[in-house]
């Protein structure tokens, strides 16, 4: 019975340590979403803020991108 309690406690501590290691130390600025605006007809046209496409005059649509750098 005593061995079972010790094994259970060690397992719980190990799992707690593993999950703490996975979430600790990550910077919140590392994976920020940046809004990038693109033209649906011309995907090579993009901007950092809303506007219109210089080629066709359509409104730029926001696309969320993740900055993994």
N, C-alpha and C. Protein backbone atom coordinates (compact mmCIF):
# COMPACT_ATOMS: atom_id res chain seq x y z
N UNK A 1 0.82 -1.20 0.00
CA UNK A 1 0.00 0.00 0.00
C UNK A 1 0.87 1.26 0.00
N UNK A 2 1.93 1.22 0.80
CA UNK A 2 2.81 2.37 0.90
C UNK A 2 3.53 2.60 -0.43
N UNK A 3 3.93 1.49 -1.11
CA UNK A 3 4.60 1.62 -2.40
C UNK A 3 3.66 2.23 -3.44
N UNK A 4 2.40 1.87 -3.40
CA UNK A 4 1.42 2.39 -4.35
C UNK A 4 1.27 3.90 -4.20
N UNK A 5 1.23 4.37 -2.97
CA UNK A 5 1.10 5.81 -2.71
C UNK A 5 2.34 6.54 -3.20
N UNK A 6 3.51 5.99 -2.94
CA UNK A 6 4.75 6.62 -3.37
C UNK A 6 4.83 6.66 -4.90
N UNK A 7 4.47 5.58 -5.55
CA UNK A 7 4.49 5.54 -7.02
C UNK A 7 3.49 6.56 -7.59
N UNK A 8 2.31 6.64 -7.01
CA UNK A 8 1.31 7.60 -7.46
C UNK A 8 1.82 9.03 -7.29
N UNK A 9 2.44 9.33 -6.16
CA UNK A 9 2.95 10.67 -5.89
C UNK A 9 4.06 11.04 -6.87
N UNK A 10 4.98 10.10 -7.12
CA UNK A 10 6.07 10.37 -8.05
C UNK A 10 5.55 10.58 -9.48
N UNK A 11 4.57 9.80 -9.86
CA UNK A 11 3.97 9.96 -11.19
C UNK A 11 3.30 11.33 -11.32
N UNK A 12 2.57 11.73 -10.30
CA UNK A 12 1.89 13.02 -10.33
C UNK A 12 2.91 14.16 -10.40
N UNK A 13 3.98 14.06 -9.63
CA UNK A 13 5.02 15.10 -9.67
C UNK A 13 5.71 15.15 -11.03
N UNK A 14 5.96 13.99 -11.61
CA UNK A 14 6.61 13.94 -12.92
C UNK A 14 5.74 14.59 -13.99
N UNK A 15 4.46 14.24 -14.00
CA UNK A 15 3.55 14.84 -14.98
C UNK A 15 3.41 16.34 -14.77
N UNK A 16 3.37 16.76 -13.53
CA UNK A 16 3.30 18.20 -13.23
C UNK A 16 4.54 18.93 -13.71
N UNK A 17 5.70 18.31 -13.54
CA UNK A 17 6.94 18.92 -14.01
C UNK A 17 7.02 19.01 -15.52
N UNK A 18 6.53 17.98 -16.20
CA UNK A 18 6.55 17.98 -17.66
C UNK A 18 5.64 19.07 -18.21
N UNK A 19 4.44 19.21 -17.66
CA UNK A 19 3.54 20.24 -18.17
C UNK A 19 4.03 21.63 -17.83
N UNK A 20 4.70 21.79 -16.69
CA UNK A 20 5.25 23.09 -16.34
C UNK A 20 6.39 23.47 -17.28
N UNK A 21 7.18 22.51 -17.69
CA UNK A 21 8.28 22.78 -18.62
C UNK A 21 7.77 23.17 -20.00
N UNK A 22 6.67 22.61 -20.41
CA UNK A 22 6.13 22.93 -21.74
C UNK A 22 5.56 24.33 -21.80
N UNK A 23 5.07 24.88 -20.70
CA UNK A 23 4.42 26.18 -20.73
C UNK A 23 5.30 27.29 -20.16
N UNK A 24 6.28 26.98 -19.41
CA UNK A 24 7.11 27.99 -18.79
C UNK A 24 8.16 28.55 -19.74
N UNK A 25 8.44 29.83 -19.61
CA UNK A 25 9.51 30.44 -20.37
C UNK A 25 9.15 30.85 -21.78
N UNK A 26 7.94 30.62 -22.23
CA UNK A 26 7.57 31.05 -23.58
C UNK A 26 7.23 32.52 -23.54
N UNK A 27 7.79 33.23 -24.47
CA UNK A 27 7.50 34.65 -24.57
C UNK A 27 6.17 34.85 -25.28
N UNK A 28 5.37 35.76 -24.78
CA UNK A 28 4.09 36.01 -25.43
C UNK A 28 4.26 36.77 -26.73
N UNK A 29 5.40 37.44 -26.90
CA UNK A 29 5.62 38.19 -28.13
C UNK A 29 6.14 37.30 -29.25
N UNK A 30 6.53 36.08 -28.93
CA UNK A 30 7.10 35.20 -29.95
C UNK A 30 6.06 34.77 -30.98
N UNK A 31 4.84 34.52 -30.55
CA UNK A 31 3.80 34.02 -31.45
C UNK A 31 2.63 34.99 -31.54
N UNK A 32 2.93 36.26 -31.74
CA UNK A 32 1.85 37.22 -31.87
C UNK A 32 1.26 37.15 -33.27
N UNK A 33 -0.04 37.35 -33.32
CA UNK A 33 -0.69 37.41 -34.63
C UNK A 33 -0.53 38.81 -35.18
N UNK A 34 -0.14 38.88 -36.42
CA UNK A 34 -0.02 40.15 -37.10
C UNK A 34 -1.06 40.19 -38.20
N UNK A 35 -1.81 41.27 -38.24
CA UNK A 35 -2.79 41.42 -39.30
C UNK A 35 -2.10 41.89 -40.57
N UNK A 36 -2.30 41.17 -41.64
CA UNK A 36 -1.74 41.55 -42.92
C UNK A 36 -2.89 41.64 -43.90
N UNK A 37 -2.98 42.70 -44.63
CA UNK A 37 -4.08 42.93 -45.56
C UNK A 37 -3.62 42.59 -46.97
N UNK A 38 -4.43 41.77 -47.66
CA UNK A 38 -4.09 41.36 -49.02
C UNK A 38 -5.29 41.57 -49.93
N UNK A 39 -5.01 41.63 -51.24
CA UNK A 39 -6.07 41.70 -52.24
C UNK A 39 -6.47 40.27 -52.60
N UNK A 40 -7.77 40.02 -52.67
CA UNK A 40 -8.22 38.66 -53.00
C UNK A 40 -7.95 38.31 -54.45
N UNK A 41 -7.87 39.30 -55.32
CA UNK A 41 -7.59 39.04 -56.73
C UNK A 41 -6.09 39.03 -57.03
N UNK A 42 -5.31 39.76 -56.23
CA UNK A 42 -3.87 39.85 -56.43
C UNK A 42 -3.17 39.55 -55.11
N UNK A 43 -2.93 38.27 -54.78
CA UNK A 43 -2.34 37.89 -53.48
C UNK A 43 -0.94 38.45 -53.25
N UNK A 44 -0.26 38.87 -54.31
CA UNK A 44 1.07 39.44 -54.13
C UNK A 44 1.00 40.89 -53.63
N UNK A 45 -0.18 41.52 -53.68
CA UNK A 45 -0.36 42.87 -53.15
C UNK A 45 -0.74 42.74 -51.69
N UNK A 46 0.07 43.33 -50.80
CA UNK A 46 -0.22 43.26 -49.37
C UNK A 46 0.15 44.58 -48.70
N UNK A 47 -0.44 44.80 -47.53
CA UNK A 47 -0.18 46.01 -46.76
C UNK A 47 -0.33 45.68 -45.28
N UNK A 48 0.24 46.55 -44.43
CA UNK A 48 0.14 46.38 -42.98
C UNK A 48 -1.13 46.99 -42.41
N UNK A 49 -1.81 47.81 -43.20
CA UNK A 49 -3.04 48.45 -42.73
C UNK A 49 -4.10 48.41 -43.82
N UNK A 50 -5.36 48.63 -43.48
CA UNK A 50 -6.43 48.56 -44.48
C UNK A 50 -6.21 49.57 -45.61
N UNK A 51 -6.74 49.23 -46.76
CA UNK A 51 -6.62 50.11 -47.91
C UNK A 51 -7.25 49.47 -49.13
N UNK A 52 -6.83 49.95 -50.31
CA UNK A 52 -7.34 49.40 -51.56
C UNK A 52 -6.17 48.91 -52.40
N UNK A 53 -6.46 47.94 -53.25
CA UNK A 53 -5.45 47.38 -54.15
C UNK A 53 -5.11 48.41 -55.23
N UNK A 54 -3.83 48.70 -55.46
CA UNK A 54 -3.47 49.66 -56.49
C UNK A 54 -3.72 49.14 -57.91
N UNK A 55 -3.85 47.83 -58.07
CA UNK A 55 -4.06 47.25 -59.40
C UNK A 55 -5.53 47.26 -59.82
N UNK A 56 -6.43 46.88 -58.88
CA UNK A 56 -7.84 46.74 -59.26
C UNK A 56 -8.79 47.63 -58.45
N UNK A 57 -8.31 48.24 -57.37
CA UNK A 57 -9.15 49.12 -56.58
C UNK A 57 -10.03 48.41 -55.56
N UNK A 58 -9.90 47.07 -55.45
CA UNK A 58 -10.69 46.33 -54.46
C UNK A 58 -10.15 46.58 -53.06
N UNK A 59 -11.04 46.46 -52.07
CA UNK A 59 -10.63 46.64 -50.68
C UNK A 59 -9.76 45.47 -50.24
N UNK A 60 -8.69 45.77 -49.50
CA UNK A 60 -7.81 44.72 -48.99
C UNK A 60 -8.48 44.01 -47.83
N UNK A 61 -8.30 42.69 -47.76
CA UNK A 61 -8.92 41.84 -46.74
C UNK A 61 -7.85 41.42 -45.74
N UNK A 62 -8.21 41.41 -44.45
CA UNK A 62 -7.24 41.05 -43.41
C UNK A 62 -7.03 39.55 -43.36
N UNK A 63 -5.78 39.16 -43.31
CA UNK A 63 -5.38 37.76 -43.12
C UNK A 63 -4.49 37.71 -41.89
N UNK A 64 -4.80 36.81 -40.96
CA UNK A 64 -3.97 36.65 -39.77
C UNK A 64 -2.80 35.75 -40.09
N UNK A 65 -1.62 36.22 -39.74
CA UNK A 65 -0.41 35.41 -39.89
C UNK A 65 0.25 35.33 -38.53
N UNK A 66 0.95 34.26 -38.29
CA UNK A 66 1.66 34.08 -37.03
C UNK A 66 3.13 34.32 -37.26
N UNK A 67 3.71 35.12 -36.39
CA UNK A 67 5.13 35.44 -36.49
C UNK A 67 5.92 34.40 -35.70
N UNK A 68 6.60 33.47 -36.37
CA UNK A 68 7.34 32.39 -35.71
C UNK A 68 8.82 32.66 -35.61
N UNK A 69 9.24 33.86 -35.81
CA UNK A 69 10.68 34.17 -35.81
C UNK A 69 11.21 34.33 -34.43
